[in-house]
Amino acid sequence: MKSDALPVFERQELVRFGHCDPAGIVFFPRYFEMLNACVEDWFTQGLQVDYAQLLGARRVGMPTVHLATDFKRISRMGEVLTQRIFIRKLGRTSLGLDVEFVGADGLRVAFEQVLVCTSLETHQPIPFPEDLRAALLRAQGAL
């Protein structure tokens, strides 16, 4: 992530009992569930493109095809994580994101994620639907 970049979406998430392992810290696979929920909320709340409709009635998929993760610090139940999404690259059929979860003491986990727009009928890449592309361009400040 570039230090001067502004996030295109930000939300808070409370670390709950169900996120934690017997050691009392977030069990690492739960971070991936949090990431997916954050991206879904970004589409629906931030981009104003209903994620459930996109996958359901519209039959447009957004699978993750690449995910790199750096775990920096532990998170414990009761803490609040600020989740931020940055657009790294917008292509014709793919979207590169940088996502960070930050706690009171700094960065907890950082993700590099690539999503590909696909037809849920053929499971092949397709160009972003026009409304979604426009929303992504607006989020980048390009429109």
C-alpha atoms as a PDB file:
ATOM      1  CA  MET A   1       0.000   0.000   0.000  1.00  0.00           C
ATOM      2  CA  LYS A   2       1.161   3.482  -0.711  1.00  0.00           C
ATOM      3  CA  SER A   3       1.361   5.560   2.435  1.00  0.00           C
ATOM      4  CA  ASP A   4      -0.256   8.531   0.670  1.00  0.00           C
ATOM      5  CA  ALA A   5      -3.172   6.501  -0.731  1.00  0.00           C
ATOM      6  CA  LEU A   6      -6.635   7.006   0.683  1.00  0.00           C
ATOM      7  CA  PRO A   7      -8.872   4.007   1.307  1.00  0.00           C
ATOM      8  CA  VAL A   8     -11.909   3.633  -0.933  1.00  0.00           C
ATOM      9  CA  PHE A   9     -13.817   1.960   1.912  1.00  0.00           C
ATOM     10  CA  GLU A  10     -13.406   1.739   5.661  1.00  0.00           C
ATOM     11  CA  ARG A  11     -15.368   0.010   8.382  1.00  0.00           C
ATOM     12  CA  GLN A  12     -14.952  -1.174  11.966  1.00  0.00           C
ATOM     13  CA  GLU A  13     -15.191  -4.774  13.135  1.00  0.00           C
ATOM     14  CA  LEU A  14     -15.378  -5.949  16.715  1.00  0.00           C
ATOM     15  CA  VAL A  15     -13.294  -9.051  17.402  1.00  0.00           C
ATOM     16  CA  ARG A  16     -15.734 -11.545  18.886  1.00  0.00           C
ATOM     17  CA  PHE A  17     -15.389 -14.766  20.865  1.00  0.00           C
ATOM     18  CA  GLY A  18     -16.154 -16.778  17.708  1.00  0.00           C
ATOM     19  CA  HIS A  19     -13.154 -15.242  15.936  1.00  0.00           C
ATOM     20  CA  CYS A  20     -10.728 -16.530  18.574  1.00  0.00           C
ATOM     21  CA  ASP A  21      -8.908 -19.794  19.237  1.00  0.00           C
ATOM     22  CA  PRO A  22      -8.207 -21.374  22.654  1.00  0.00           C
ATOM     23  CA  ALA A  23      -5.171 -19.079  23.024  1.00  0.00           C
ATOM     24  CA  GLY A  24      -7.584 -16.124  23.070  1.00  0.00           C
ATOM     25  CA  ILE A  25      -6.376 -14.582  19.812  1.00  0.00           C
ATOM     26  CA  VAL A  26      -7.952 -14.395  16.361  1.00  0.00           C
ATOM     27  CA  PHE A  27      -7.615 -17.790  14.685  1.00  0.00           C
ATOM     28  CA  PHE A  28      -5.977 -16.927  11.359  1.00  0.00           C
ATOM     29  CA  PRO A  29      -8.688 -18.379   9.033  1.00  0.00           C
ATOM     30  CA  ARG A  30     -11.190 -16.001  10.671  1.00  0.00           C
ATOM     31  CA  TYR A  31      -9.267 -13.070   9.181  1.00  0.00           C
ATOM     32  CA  PHE A  32     -10.164 -14.432   5.730  1.00  0.00           C
ATOM     33  CA  GLU A  33     -13.852 -14.565   6.688  1.00  0.00           C
ATOM     34  CA  MET A  34     -13.584 -10.959   7.924  1.00  0.00           C
ATOM     35  CA  LEU A  35     -11.895  -9.990   4.640  1.00  0.00           C
ATOM     36  CA  ASN A  36     -14.682 -11.524   2.581  1.00  0.00           C
ATOM     37  CA  ALA A  37     -17.368  -9.783   4.653  1.00  0.00           C
ATOM     38  CA  CYS A  38     -15.524  -6.467   4.303  1.00  0.00           C
ATOM     39  CA  VAL A  39     -15.371  -6.798   0.496  1.00  0.00           C
ATOM     40  CA  GLU A  40     -19.060  -7.756   0.316  1.00  0.00           C
ATOM     41  CA  ASP A  41     -19.972  -4.706   2.428  1.00  0.00           C
ATOM     42  CA  TRP A  42     -17.810  -2.483   0.225  1.00  0.00           C
ATOM     43  CA  PHE A  43     -19.703  -3.587  -2.883  1.00  0.00           C
ATOM     44  CA  THR A  44     -23.132  -3.124  -1.296  1.00  0.00           C
ATOM     45  CA  GLN A  45     -22.547  -0.105   0.968  1.00  0.00           C
ATOM     46  CA  GLY A  46     -19.566   1.642  -0.586  1.00  0.00           C
ATOM     47  CA  LEU A  47     -20.028   1.025  -4.307  1.00  0.00           C
ATOM     48  CA  GLN A  48     -23.842   0.835  -4.109  1.00  0.00           C
ATOM     49  CA  VAL A  49     -23.817  -2.393  -6.151  1.00  0.00           C
ATOM     50  CA  ASP A  50     -25.809  -4.999  -4.240  1.00  0.00           C
ATOM     51  CA  TYR A  51     -23.452  -7.946  -3.814  1.00  0.00           C
ATOM     52  CA  ALA A  52     -26.259 -10.459  -3.243  1.00  0.00           C
ATOM     53  CA  GLN A  53     -27.995  -9.313  -6.453  1.00  0.00           C
ATOM     54  CA  LEU A  54     -24.708  -9.345  -8.364  1.00  0.00           C
ATOM     55  CA  LEU A  55     -24.114 -13.005  -7.542  1.00  0.00           C
ATOM     56  CA  GLY A  56     -27.777 -14.030  -7.371  1.00  0.00           C
ATOM     57  CA  ALA A  57     -30.062 -12.568 -10.006  1.00  0.00           C
ATOM     58  CA  ARG A  58     -27.293 -11.081 -12.159  1.00  0.00           C
ATOM     59  CA  ARG A  59     -25.115 -14.251 -12.063  1.00  0.00           C
ATOM     60  CA  VAL A  60     -21.855 -12.273 -11.929  1.00  0.00           C
ATOM     61  CA  GLY A  61     -19.132 -13.805  -9.775  1.00  0.00           C
ATOM     62  CA  MET A  62     -16.176 -12.100  -8.104  1.00  0.00           C
ATOM     63  CA  PRO A  63     -13.903 -14.982  -7.055  1.00  0.00           C
ATOM     64  CA  THR A  64     -10.544 -14.402  -5.445  1.00  0.00           C
ATOM     65  CA  VAL A  65      -7.782 -15.698  -7.724  1.00  0.00           C
ATOM     66  CA  HIS A  66      -4.813 -14.444  -5.710  1.00  0.00           C
ATOM     67  CA  LEU A  67      -4.451 -13.723  -2.009  1.00  0.00           C
ATOM     68  CA  ALA A  68      -1.216 -12.870  -0.215  1.00  0.00           C
ATOM     69  CA  THR A  69      -1.325 -12.228   3.518  1.00  0.00           C
ATOM     70  CA  ASP A  70       1.060 -10.801   6.083  1.00  0.00           C
ATOM     71  CA  PHE A  71       0.164 -11.286   9.735  1.00  0.00           C
ATOM     72  CA  LYS A  72       1.805  -8.496  11.736  1.00  0.00           C
ATOM     73  CA  ARG A  73       0.300  -8.547  15.247  1.00  0.00           C
ATOM     74  CA  ILE A  74      -2.248 -10.603  17.157  1.00  0.00           C
ATOM     75  CA  SER A  75      -5.812  -9.459  17.792  1.00  0.00           C
ATOM     76  CA  ARG A  76      -7.826 -10.331  20.887  1.00  0.00           C
ATOM     77  CA  MET A  77     -11.527 -10.571  21.700  1.00  0.00           C
ATOM     78  CA  GLY A  78     -13.068  -7.173  22.430  1.00  0.00           C
ATOM     79  CA  GLU A  79     -10.674  -5.194  20.245  1.00  0.00           C
ATOM     80  CA  VAL A  80     -11.931  -3.147  17.316  1.00  0.00           C
ATOM     81  CA  LEU A  81     -10.226  -3.491  13.959  1.00  0.00           C
ATOM     82  CA  THR A  82     -10.421  -0.751  11.357  1.00  0.00           C
ATOM     83  CA  GLN A  83     -10.643  -2.435   7.966  1.00  0.00           C
ATOM     84  CA  ARG A  84      -9.536  -0.416   4.932  1.00  0.00           C
ATOM     85  CA  ILE A  85      -9.731  -1.256   1.238  1.00  0.00           C
ATOM     86  CA  PHE A  86      -7.472   0.365  -1.364  1.00  0.00           C
ATOM     87  CA  ILE A  87      -7.718  -0.199  -5.128  1.00  0.00           C
ATOM     88  CA  ARG A  88      -4.284  -1.154  -6.452  1.00  0.00           C
ATOM     89  CA  LYS A  89      -5.303  -1.870 -10.057  1.00  0.00           C
ATOM     90  CA  LEU A  90      -8.511  -1.906 -12.062  1.00  0.00           C
ATOM     91  CA  GLY A  91      -8.386  -3.978 -15.235  1.00  0.00           C
ATOM     92  CA  ARG A  92     -11.004  -5.025 -17.772  1.00  0.00           C
ATOM     93  CA  THR A  93     -11.941  -8.208 -15.875  1.00  0.00           C
ATOM     94  CA  SER A  94      -9.806  -8.076 -12.718  1.00  0.00           C
ATOM     95  CA  LEU A  95      -9.461  -5.921  -9.643  1.00  0.00           C
ATOM     96  CA  GLY A  96      -6.355  -5.699  -7.468  1.00  0.00           C
ATOM     97  CA  LEU A  97      -6.952  -4.673  -3.875  1.00  0.00           C
ATOM     98  CA  ASP A  98      -4.802  -3.919  -0.870  1.00  0.00           C
ATOM     99  CA  VAL A  99      -6.685  -4.435   2.382  1.00  0.00           C
ATOM    100  CA  GLU A 100      -5.463  -3.717   5.878  1.00  0.00           C
ATOM    101  CA  PHE A 101      -6.861  -4.414   9.321  1.00  0.00           C
ATOM    102  CA  VAL A 102      -5.540  -1.974  11.905  1.00  0.00           C
ATOM    103  CA  GLY A 103      -5.850  -2.102  15.682  1.00  0.00           C
ATOM    104  CA  ALA A 104      -5.017   0.450  18.356  1.00  0.00           C
ATOM    105  CA  ASP A 105      -1.326  -0.526  18.219  1.00  0.00           C
ATOM    106  CA  GLY A 106      -1.011  -0.545  14.423  1.00  0.00           C
ATOM    107  CA  LEU A 107      -1.292  -2.920  11.499  1.00  0.00           C
ATOM    108  CA  ARG A 108      -2.542  -6.390  12.418  1.00  0.00           C
ATOM    109  CA  VAL A 109      -2.872  -8.023   8.986  1.00  0.00           C
ATOM    110  CA  ALA A 110      -2.363  -6.926   5.376  1.00  0.00           C
ATOM    111  CA  PHE A 111      -3.802  -8.595   2.279  1.00  0.00           C
ATOM    112  CA  GLU A 112      -3.055  -8.320  -1.426  1.00  0.00           C
ATOM    113  CA  GLN A 113      -6.124  -9.668  -3.199  1.00  0.00           C
ATOM    114  CA  VAL A 114      -7.061 -10.072  -6.840  1.00  0.00           C
ATOM    115  CA  LEU A 115     -10.709 -10.582  -7.783  1.00  0.00           C
ATOM    116  CA  VAL A 116     -11.835 -11.605 -11.268  1.00  0.00           C
ATOM    117  CA  CYS A 117     -15.255 -10.806 -12.682  1.00  0.00           C
ATOM    118  CA  THR A 118     -16.797 -14.010 -14.042  1.00  0.00           C
ATOM    119  CA  SER A 119     -20.009 -15.360 -15.474  1.00  0.00           C
ATOM    120  CA  LEU A 120     -21.563 -17.749 -12.980  1.00  0.00           C
ATOM    121  CA  GLU A 121     -22.995 -19.630 -15.961  1.00  0.00           C
ATOM    122  CA  THR A 122     -19.678 -20.326 -17.732  1.00  0.00           C
ATOM    123  CA  HIS A 123     -17.199 -19.553 -14.904  1.00  0.00           C
ATOM    124  CA  GLN A 124     -15.122 -17.634 -17.449  1.00  0.00           C
ATOM    125  CA  PRO A 125     -13.818 -14.065 -17.030  1.00  0.00           C
ATOM    126  CA  ILE A 126     -16.098 -11.312 -18.332  1.00  0.00           C
ATOM    127  CA  PRO A 127     -15.740  -7.521 -18.394  1.00  0.00           C
ATOM    128  CA  PHE A 128     -17.105  -5.727 -15.352  1.00  0.00           C
ATOM    129  CA  PRO A 129     -20.771  -4.766 -15.811  1.00  0.00           C
ATOM    130  CA  GLU A 130     -21.043  -1.073 -16.691  1.00  0.00           C
ATOM    131  CA  ASP A 131     -22.612  -0.033 -13.375  1.00  0.00           C
ATOM    132  CA  LEU A 132     -19.907  -1.827 -11.407  1.00  0.00           C
ATOM    133  CA  ARG A 133     -17.084  -0.406 -13.565  1.00  0.00           C
ATOM    134  CA  ALA A 134     -18.521   3.096 -13.131  1.00  0.00           C
ATOM    135  CA  ALA A 135     -18.730   2.611  -9.355  1.00  0.00           C
ATOM    136  CA  LEU A 136     -15.132   1.366  -9.240  1.00  0.00           C
ATOM    137  CA  LEU A 137     -13.946   4.330 -11.320  1.00  0.00           C
ATOM    138  CA  ARG A 138     -15.827   6.709  -9.003  1.00  0.00           C
ATOM    139  CA  ALA A 139     -14.198   5.037  -6.011  1.00  0.00           C
ATOM    140  CA  GLN A 140     -10.795   5.598  -7.594  1.00  0.00           C
ATOM    141  CA  GLY A 141     -11.670   9.230  -8.223  1.00  0.00           C
ATOM    142  CA  ALA A 142     -11.470   8.678 -11.990  1.00  0.00           C
ATOM    143  CA  LEU A 143     -15.086   9.808 -12.645  1.00  0.00           C
END
